[in-house]
Amino acid sequence: MLLLRREDFDDLLDRAAERGAERCLALPCLAHLGLENGSAAKDIRELRDLLEAWRDARRTAWQTTIKVVTTGILAALLVGAAIKLKLMGGVQ
């Protein structure tokens, strides 16, 4: 059984994490992710732009929905008030 002090164990974990990160950033890992060519940065930028466009579209859809519902409620209130005040010129 191997016994390590807490500081030594933390150092060992830090070195292992650094090595793992270095290996992940190496070419085989990038090839596995499909990012081995020179256009990886461009691809990631395009993905971020696409995600931002999706968020904008979703935000706009919610805003439009809220505006339509608000307008409908206000129109219903106006029609109700007009009927109540007999402004529509209906049957007396």
C-alpha atoms as a PDB file:
ATOM      1  CA  MET A   1       0.000   0.000   0.000  1.00  0.00           C
ATOM      2  CA  LEU A   2       1.269   3.441  -0.949  1.00  0.00           C
ATOM      3  CA  LEU A   3       0.791   6.322   1.451  1.00  0.00           C
ATOM      4  CA  LEU A   4       1.031   9.930   0.244  1.00  0.00           C
ATOM      5  CA  ARG A   5       0.794  13.201   2.043  1.00  0.00           C
ATOM      6  CA  ARG A   6      -2.110  15.410   1.023  1.00  0.00           C
ATOM      7  CA  GLU A   7       0.230  17.923  -0.672  1.00  0.00           C
ATOM      8  CA  ASP A   8       1.959  15.187  -2.675  1.00  0.00           C
ATOM      9  CA  PHE A   9      -1.381  13.741  -3.718  1.00  0.00           C
ATOM     10  CA  ASP A  10      -2.605  17.180  -4.855  1.00  0.00           C
ATOM     11  CA  ASP A  11       0.626  17.695  -6.834  1.00  0.00           C
ATOM     12  CA  LEU A  12       0.194  14.298  -8.445  1.00  0.00           C
ATOM     13  CA  LEU A  13      -3.383  15.131  -9.424  1.00  0.00           C
ATOM     14  CA  ASP A  14      -2.325  18.513 -10.834  1.00  0.00           C
ATOM     15  CA  ARG A  15       0.393  16.929 -12.975  1.00  0.00           C
ATOM     16  CA  ALA A  16      -1.981  14.238 -14.200  1.00  0.00           C
ATOM     17  CA  ALA A  17      -4.575  16.866 -15.115  1.00  0.00           C
ATOM     18  CA  GLU A  18      -1.968  18.923 -16.990  1.00  0.00           C
ATOM     19  CA  ARG A  19      -0.776  15.876 -18.921  1.00  0.00           C
ATOM     20  CA  GLY A  20      -4.326  14.912 -19.773  1.00  0.00           C
ATOM     21  CA  ALA A  21      -5.065  18.412 -21.020  1.00  0.00           C
ATOM     22  CA  GLU A  22      -1.888  18.426 -23.115  1.00  0.00           C
ATOM     23  CA  ARG A  23      -2.805  15.084 -24.658  1.00  0.00           C
ATOM     24  CA  CYS A  24      -6.334  16.226 -25.338  1.00  0.00           C
ATOM     25  CA  LEU A  25      -5.057  19.290 -27.163  1.00  0.00           C
ATOM     26  CA  ALA A  26      -2.712  17.176 -29.251  1.00  0.00           C
ATOM     27  CA  LEU A  27      -3.561  16.415 -32.873  1.00  0.00           C
ATOM     28  CA  PRO A  28      -5.109  12.924 -32.367  1.00  0.00           C
ATOM     29  CA  CYS A  29      -7.726  14.325 -30.006  1.00  0.00           C
ATOM     30  CA  LEU A  30      -8.508  17.187 -32.371  1.00  0.00           C
ATOM     31  CA  ALA A  31      -8.792  14.692 -35.219  1.00  0.00           C
ATOM     32  CA  HIS A  32     -11.210  12.652 -33.113  1.00  0.00           C
ATOM     33  CA  LEU A  33     -13.330  15.784 -32.672  1.00  0.00           C
ATOM     34  CA  GLY A  34     -13.081  16.655 -36.358  1.00  0.00           C
ATOM     35  CA  LEU A  35     -11.066  19.807 -35.680  1.00  0.00           C
ATOM     36  CA  GLU A  36      -7.694  18.773 -37.081  1.00  0.00           C
ATOM     37  CA  ASN A  37      -7.708  21.031 -40.112  1.00  0.00           C
ATOM     38  CA  GLY A  38      -6.873  24.719 -40.095  1.00  0.00           C
ATOM     39  CA  SER A  39     -10.477  25.837 -40.133  1.00  0.00           C
ATOM     40  CA  ALA A  40     -11.302  24.668 -36.604  1.00  0.00           C
ATOM     41  CA  ALA A  41     -11.370  28.214 -35.230  1.00  0.00           C
ATOM     42  CA  LYS A  42     -13.645  29.291 -38.085  1.00  0.00           C
ATOM     43  CA  ASP A  43     -15.939  26.312 -37.463  1.00  0.00           C
ATOM     44  CA  ILE A  44     -16.220  27.134 -33.765  1.00  0.00           C
ATOM     45  CA  ARG A  45     -16.909  30.792 -34.590  1.00  0.00           C
ATOM     46  CA  GLU A  46     -19.667  29.714 -36.981  1.00  0.00           C
ATOM     47  CA  LEU A  47     -21.182  27.454 -34.321  1.00  0.00           C
ATOM     48  CA  ARG A  48     -21.163  30.330 -31.835  1.00  0.00           C
ATOM     49  CA  ASP A  49     -22.787  32.617 -34.407  1.00  0.00           C
ATOM     50  CA  LEU A  50     -25.440  29.976 -35.097  1.00  0.00           C
ATOM     51  CA  LEU A  51     -26.133  29.602 -31.386  1.00  0.00           C
ATOM     52  CA  GLU A  52     -26.396  33.379 -30.995  1.00  0.00           C
ATOM     53  CA  ALA A  53     -28.819  33.554 -33.938  1.00  0.00           C
ATOM     54  CA  TRP A  54     -30.936  30.810 -32.353  1.00  0.00           C
ATOM     55  CA  ARG A  55     -31.039  32.733 -29.066  1.00  0.00           C
ATOM     56  CA  ASP A  56     -32.031  35.935 -30.881  1.00  0.00           C
ATOM     57  CA  ALA A  57     -34.807  34.115 -32.760  1.00  0.00           C
ATOM     58  CA  ARG A  58     -36.118  32.560 -29.558  1.00  0.00           C
ATOM     59  CA  ARG A  59     -36.054  35.922 -27.765  1.00  0.00           C
ATOM     60  CA  THR A  60     -37.870  37.596 -30.662  1.00  0.00           C
ATOM     61  CA  ALA A  61     -40.501  34.837 -30.742  1.00  0.00           C
ATOM     62  CA  TRP A  62     -41.234  35.330 -27.035  1.00  0.00           C
ATOM     63  CA  GLN A  63     -41.424  39.101 -27.427  1.00  0.00           C
ATOM     64  CA  THR A  64     -43.801  38.744 -30.372  1.00  0.00           C
ATOM     65  CA  THR A  65     -45.987  36.283 -28.467  1.00  0.00           C
ATOM     66  CA  ILE A  66     -46.214  38.633 -25.503  1.00  0.00           C
ATOM     67  CA  LYS A  67     -47.087  41.574 -27.774  1.00  0.00           C
ATOM     68  CA  VAL A  68     -49.825  39.591 -29.548  1.00  0.00           C
ATOM     69  CA  VAL A  69     -51.372  38.421 -26.271  1.00  0.00           C
ATOM     70  CA  THR A  70     -51.212  41.922 -24.789  1.00  0.00           C
ATOM     71  CA  THR A  71     -52.786  43.449 -27.902  1.00  0.00           C
ATOM     72  CA  GLY A  72     -55.546  40.820 -27.859  1.00  0.00           C
ATOM     73  CA  ILE A  73     -56.353  41.504 -24.220  1.00  0.00           C
ATOM     74  CA  LEU A  74     -56.454  45.265 -24.797  1.00  0.00           C
ATOM     75  CA  ALA A  75     -58.667  44.829 -27.885  1.00  0.00           C
ATOM     76  CA  ALA A  76     -61.066  42.613 -25.919  1.00  0.00           C
ATOM     77  CA  LEU A  77     -61.239  45.215 -23.151  1.00  0.00           C
ATOM     78  CA  LEU A  78     -61.970  47.982 -25.664  1.00  0.00           C
ATOM     79  CA  VAL A  79     -64.703  45.956 -27.374  1.00  0.00           C
ATOM     80  CA  GLY A  80     -66.190  45.103 -23.988  1.00  0.00           C
ATOM     81  CA  ALA A  81     -66.158  48.757 -22.946  1.00  0.00           C
ATOM     82  CA  ALA A  82     -67.745  49.806 -26.256  1.00  0.00           C
ATOM     83  CA  ILE A  83     -70.517  47.238 -25.848  1.00  0.00           C
ATOM     84  CA  LYS A  84     -71.077  48.244 -22.233  1.00  0.00           C
ATOM     85  CA  LEU A  85     -71.310  51.925 -23.182  1.00  0.00           C
ATOM     86  CA  LYS A  86     -73.464  51.065 -26.214  1.00  0.00           C
ATOM     87  CA  LEU A  87     -71.094  52.758 -28.634  1.00  0.00           C
ATOM     88  CA  MET A  88     -71.435  50.059 -31.266  1.00  0.00           C
ATOM     89  CA  GLY A  89     -74.846  51.275 -32.501  1.00  0.00           C
ATOM     90  CA  GLY A  90     -76.434  47.905 -31.967  1.00  0.00           C
ATOM     91  CA  VAL A  91     -80.044  46.972 -31.168  1.00  0.00           C
ATOM     92  CA  GLN A  92     -81.555  49.069 -28.395  1.00  0.00           C
END
